[in-house]
């Protein structure tokens, strides 16, 4: 294996799956510390391609990043943090990259986007007219904006379960919260599922209840399960939404694989 001073980018496969497996095999071979760093940096891009943002972030060396960290590792860490909606940390990494490389146009663009997301998170300053315009022009209508949690909190009531309460006095017209969808499936006119043009229909069978779910709802369940499987760090915030009596599994992984309790 040839030693390099920076991370190379040999990934051509759009999905990144094949390269991810190859880099993982390479890490099982004898290699120097520098070679291991290069392999992990390259594998982080493959993980980004397969939307495994937790794994991509880990391969960059985060959170132990500093001025000696390769530029590509810093940028990929920032991309992973942005995709995980950890915008403040993303800005911190990009500021480090900006000092290291002042002419990295991609990093500057991502930094500008991350700062906008931080502002939305902190203030709830959305241009709703612009949001509607974007949603009408994009297919699927996936918007790049952050979640705002205003003066509200979740509390347990004595007889009605959990509820959402304001934490301070508010007036009519105040924005209390604006939440980005955890996952979504777009079905256009004449379509039956995400990215579908009539070529397939997703069918989800529940063998315990002998019931089936067809189309968009089945696609959505699959999309949520895949997102949780690929990014275990997102699971606590999602599973905490459940308020029933069902007791889910307590172990997060089994045989190094993520458990998604559906």
Protein backbone atom coordinates (compact mmCIF):
# COMPACT_ATOMS: atom_id res chain seq x y z
CA UNK A 1 0.00 0.00 0.00
CA UNK A 2 1.40 3.36 -1.03
CA UNK A 3 1.65 5.98 1.69
CA UNK A 4 -0.04 9.32 1.04
CA UNK A 5 -0.14 12.61 2.88
CA UNK A 6 -3.80 13.33 2.11
CA UNK A 7 -6.96 11.29 1.70
CA UNK A 8 -7.57 10.13 -1.83
CA UNK A 9 -11.03 9.85 -3.36
CA UNK A 10 -11.19 6.70 -5.52
CA UNK A 11 -14.93 6.14 -5.08
CA UNK A 12 -16.86 5.95 -8.34
CA UNK A 13 -19.68 3.64 -7.33
CA UNK A 14 -22.68 5.89 -6.68
CA UNK A 15 -23.95 3.84 -3.76
CA UNK A 16 -20.55 3.44 -2.13
CA UNK A 17 -21.50 -0.03 -0.84
CA UNK A 18 -18.81 -1.96 -2.71
CA UNK A 19 -16.06 0.42 -1.67
CA UNK A 20 -17.24 0.40 1.93
CA UNK A 21 -16.77 -3.37 2.06
CA UNK A 22 -13.39 -3.14 0.34
CA UNK A 23 -12.09 -0.51 2.74
CA UNK A 24 -13.34 -2.58 5.68
CA UNK A 25 -11.40 -5.58 4.36
CA UNK A 26 -8.33 -3.39 3.93
CA UNK A 27 -8.51 -2.38 7.59
CA UNK A 28 -8.20 -6.04 8.56
CA UNK A 29 -4.80 -6.22 6.86
CA UNK A 30 -1.47 -5.16 8.30
CA UNK A 31 -1.04 -1.43 7.82
CA UNK A 32 0.75 1.57 9.28
CA UNK A 33 -1.06 4.20 11.34
CA UNK A 34 -0.92 6.59 8.38
CA UNK A 35 -2.35 3.99 6.02
CA UNK A 36 -5.17 3.21 8.45
CA UNK A 37 -6.01 6.92 8.63
CA UNK A 38 -6.14 7.10 4.80
CA UNK A 39 -8.34 4.01 4.53
CA UNK A 40 -10.77 5.30 7.15
CA UNK A 41 -10.91 8.71 5.51
CA UNK A 42 -11.82 7.07 2.19
CA UNK A 43 -14.33 4.75 3.84
CA UNK A 44 -16.03 7.74 5.45
CA UNK A 45 -16.99 8.94 1.97
CA UNK A 46 -18.46 5.51 1.18
CA UNK A 47 -20.48 5.70 4.40
CA UNK A 48 -21.73 9.16 3.40
CA UNK A 49 -22.88 7.75 0.07
CA UNK A 50 -24.88 5.03 1.85
CA UNK A 51 -26.29 7.55 4.37
CA UNK A 52 -24.53 5.90 7.30
CA UNK A 53 -23.63 9.21 8.86
CA UNK A 54 -22.73 7.85 12.31
CA UNK A 55 -20.14 5.53 10.80
CA UNK A 56 -18.84 8.23 8.45
CA UNK A 57 -18.35 10.58 11.38
CA UNK A 58 -16.51 7.94 13.39
CA UNK A 59 -14.11 7.21 10.52
CA UNK A 60 -13.05 10.88 10.34
CA UNK A 61 -11.70 10.74 13.89
CA UNK A 62 -14.41 12.99 15.33
CA UNK A 63 -14.47 14.43 17.97
CA UNK A 64 -10.67 14.36 18.16
CA UNK A 65 -10.12 16.74 15.25
CA UNK A 66 -7.47 19.44 15.16
CA UNK A 67 -5.35 21.54 12.82
CA UNK A 68 -3.37 18.44 11.79
CA UNK A 69 -6.46 16.56 10.63
CA UNK A 70 -6.55 16.20 6.80
CA UNK A 71 -8.85 18.62 5.03
CA UNK A 72 -11.01 15.88 3.52
CA UNK A 73 -11.52 14.27 6.91
CA UNK A 74 -12.68 17.62 8.31
CA UNK A 75 -15.05 18.22 5.42
CA UNK A 76 -16.54 14.74 5.62
CA UNK A 77 -17.02 15.11 9.36
CA UNK A 78 -18.86 18.36 8.70
CA UNK A 79 -21.05 16.69 6.06
CA UNK A 80 -21.94 13.88 8.45
CA UNK A 81 -22.76 16.31 11.27
CA UNK A 82 -24.93 18.38 8.93
CA UNK A 83 -26.86 15.30 7.84
CA UNK A 84 -27.36 14.34 11.49
CA UNK A 85 -28.71 17.87 12.09
CA UNK A 86 -25.89 18.66 14.53
CA UNK A 87 -25.42 22.08 13.02
CA UNK A 88 -23.49 23.79 15.81
CA UNK A 89 -20.83 21.08 15.80
CA UNK A 90 -20.80 21.21 12.00
CA UNK A 91 -20.00 24.93 12.14
CA UNK A 92 -17.19 24.31 14.62
CA UNK A 93 -15.55 21.74 12.33
CA UNK A 94 -15.96 23.98 9.29
CA UNK A 95 -14.40 26.94 11.12
CA UNK A 96 -11.40 24.72 11.79
CA UNK A 97 -11.31 23.79 8.10
CA UNK A 98 -11.68 27.44 7.05
CA UNK A 99 -8.58 28.36 9.03
CA UNK A 100 -6.70 25.42 7.54
CA UNK A 101 -7.81 26.08 3.96
CA UNK A 102 -9.09 29.56 3.09
CA UNK A 103 -9.91 28.72 -0.56
CA UNK A 104 -12.13 25.68 -0.02
CA UNK A 105 -15.30 26.87 -1.76
CA UNK A 106 -17.32 23.75 -0.85
CA UNK A 107 -16.54 24.21 2.83
CA UNK A 108 -17.55 27.88 2.70
CA UNK A 109 -20.87 27.02 1.07
CA UNK A 110 -21.59 24.33 3.66
CA UNK A 111 -20.59 26.72 6.46
CA UNK A 112 -23.07 29.28 5.16
CA UNK A 113 -25.83 26.65 5.10
CA UNK A 114 -24.94 25.38 8.58
CA UNK A 115 -25.04 28.92 9.99
CA UNK A 116 -28.49 29.40 8.48
CA UNK A 117 -29.67 26.17 10.12
CA UNK A 118 -28.26 27.30 13.48
CA UNK A 119 -30.17 30.58 13.17
CA UNK A 120 -33.38 28.69 12.44
CA UNK A 121 -32.81 26.43 15.44
CA UNK A 122 -32.19 29.33 17.77
CA UNK A 123 -34.78 31.86 16.60
CA UNK A 124 -37.37 30.08 14.45
CA UNK A 125 -36.78 32.72 11.77
CA UNK A 126 -38.33 31.01 8.75
CA UNK A 127 -39.54 32.57 5.53
CA UNK A 128 -42.72 30.50 5.24
CA UNK A 129 -43.62 32.04 1.90
CA UNK A 130 -40.27 30.89 0.53
CA UNK A 131 -40.78 27.44 2.07
CA UNK A 132 -44.06 27.08 0.22
CA UNK A 133 -42.45 28.20 -3.02
CA UNK A 134 -39.65 25.66 -2.61
CA UNK A 135 -42.07 22.86 -1.81
CA UNK A 136 -44.06 23.56 -4.99
CA UNK A 137 -40.98 23.48 -7.21
CA UNK A 138 -39.07 20.52 -5.75
CA UNK A 139 -39.89 16.89 -6.52
CA UNK A 140 -39.69 15.28 -4.06
CA UNK A 141 -40.31 18.42 -1.91
CA UNK A 142 -37.43 17.87 0.50
CA UNK A 143 -36.49 21.20 2.10
CA UNK A 144 -33.14 21.99 3.70
CA UNK A 145 -34.17 23.60 6.99
CA UNK A 146 -33.74 22.98 10.71
CA UNK A 147 -36.11 22.17 13.55
CA UNK A 148 -37.06 24.97 15.93
CA UNK A 149 -38.20 24.14 19.45
CA UNK A 150 -39.58 27.25 21.09
CA UNK A 151 -41.02 27.92 24.57
CA UNK A 152 -42.56 24.46 24.96
CA UNK A 153 -41.79 21.35 26.99
CA UNK A 154 -43.15 17.85 27.43
CA UNK A 155 -44.60 17.01 30.82
CA UNK A 156 -46.33 14.05 32.36
CA UNK A 157 -49.89 14.75 33.55
CA UNK A 158 -51.67 13.01 36.39
CA UNK A 159 -54.38 11.37 34.29
CA UNK A 160 -53.89 12.19 30.60
CA UNK A 161 -50.38 10.91 29.93
CA UNK A 162 -47.78 13.16 28.40
CA UNK A 163 -48.62 16.59 27.09
CA UNK A 164 -47.02 19.61 25.45
CA UNK A 165 -46.98 22.75 27.61
CA UNK A 166 -45.67 26.27 27.07
CA UNK A 167 -42.78 27.18 29.33
CA UNK A 168 -43.51 30.91 29.37
CA UNK A 169 -46.29 33.32 28.51
CA UNK A 170 -47.01 33.46 24.77
CA UNK A 171 -49.38 35.43 22.59
CA UNK A 172 -51.39 34.64 19.48
CA UNK A 173 -49.15 34.32 16.46
CA UNK A 174 -46.02 33.20 18.37
CA UNK A 175 -44.20 30.26 16.79
CA UNK A 176 -44.03 27.43 19.31
CA UNK A 177 -42.25 24.80 17.24
CA UNK A 178 -41.46 23.87 13.67
CA UNK A 179 -40.17 20.34 13.27
CA UNK A 180 -38.42 18.75 10.34
CA UNK A 181 -39.94 15.40 9.41
CA UNK A 182 -37.86 12.47 10.62
CA UNK A 183 -38.52 10.68 7.34
CA UNK A 184 -40.83 11.15 4.41
CA UNK A 185 -42.01 9.43 1.25
CA UNK A 186 -43.14 11.35 -1.79
CA UNK A 187 -45.85 9.93 -4.03
CA UNK A 188 -46.64 12.03 -7.08
CA UNK A 189 -49.60 11.77 -9.40
CA UNK A 190 -49.87 8.27 -10.78
CA UNK A 191 -47.15 6.95 -8.46
CA UNK A 192 -47.36 4.29 -5.77
CA UNK A 193 -44.14 4.70 -3.82
CA UNK A 194 -40.98 6.73 -3.32
CA UNK A 195 -39.07 7.28 -6.57
CA UNK A 196 -41.63 5.08 -8.28
CA UNK A 197 -42.90 5.62 -11.81
CA UNK A 198 -45.40 2.80 -11.72
CA UNK A 199 -42.84 0.02 -11.97
CA UNK A 200 -43.38 -1.43 -8.50
CA UNK A 201 -45.63 -1.34 -5.46
CA UNK A 202 -44.27 -1.87 -1.94
CA UNK A 203 -46.23 -4.43 0.06
CA UNK A 204 -45.62 -4.90 3.79
CA UNK A 205 -47.13 -7.99 5.44
CA UNK A 206 -47.74 -8.43 9.17
CA UNK A 207 -47.84 -12.19 9.70
CA UNK A 208 -49.08 -11.80 13.28
CA UNK A 209 -52.21 -9.82 12.38
CA UNK A 210 -52.66 -11.09 8.79
CA UNK A 211 -52.84 -7.50 7.60
CA UNK A 212 -50.98 -5.78 4.79
CA UNK A 213 -49.87 -2.22 4.09
CA UNK A 214 -49.46 -1.12 0.49
CA UNK A 215 -47.77 1.85 -1.17
CA UNK A 216 -46.60 5.00 0.56
CA UNK A 217 -47.22 3.89 4.14
CA UNK A 218 -45.17 0.72 3.56
CA UNK A 219 -42.40 2.80 1.97
CA UNK A 220 -42.42 5.15 4.96
CA UNK A 221 -42.05 2.31 7.47
CA UNK A 222 -39.15 0.93 5.45
CA UNK A 223 -37.54 4.37 5.19
CA UNK A 224 -37.74 4.97 8.95
CA UNK A 225 -36.36 1.53 9.77
CA UNK A 226 -33.44 1.98 7.38
CA UNK A 227 -32.62 5.43 8.75
CA UNK A 228 -32.56 4.11 12.33
CA UNK A 229 -30.51 1.08 11.29
CA UNK A 230 -27.92 3.20 9.51
CA UNK A 231 -27.71 5.85 12.24
CA UNK A 232 -28.19 4.43 15.77
CA UNK A 233 -27.54 7.83 17.37
CA UNK A 234 -30.93 8.99 16.05
CA UNK A 235 -32.85 6.15 17.72
CA UNK A 236 -33.31 7.61 21.25
CA UNK A 237 -35.05 10.74 20.00
CA UNK A 238 -37.37 8.66 17.84
CA UNK A 239 -38.20 5.86 20.29
CA UNK A 240 -38.87 8.41 23.06
CA UNK A 241 -41.99 9.44 21.15
CA UNK A 242 -43.70 6.18 22.13
CA UNK A 243 -46.01 6.63 25.12
CA UNK A 244 -47.81 3.27 25.25
CA UNK A 245 -47.29 0.19 27.38
CA UNK A 246 -45.22 -1.74 24.84
CA UNK A 247 -41.78 -2.63 26.21
CA UNK A 248 -39.15 -2.39 23.52
CA UNK A 249 -35.81 -4.15 23.50
CA UNK A 250 -33.14 -2.67 25.75
CA UNK A 251 -30.02 -3.76 23.84
CA UNK A 252 -29.00 -1.34 21.06
CA UNK A 253 -27.04 -3.90 19.01
CA UNK A 254 -26.63 -7.64 18.45
CA UNK A 255 -23.66 -9.25 16.66
CA UNK A 256 -22.39 -5.72 15.84
CA UNK A 257 -25.67 -4.95 14.03
CA UNK A 258 -28.11 -2.23 15.06
CA UNK A 259 -31.45 -3.40 16.45
CA UNK A 260 -34.49 -1.63 15.03
CA UNK A 261 -37.52 -2.69 17.05
CA UNK A 262 -40.54 -2.27 14.77
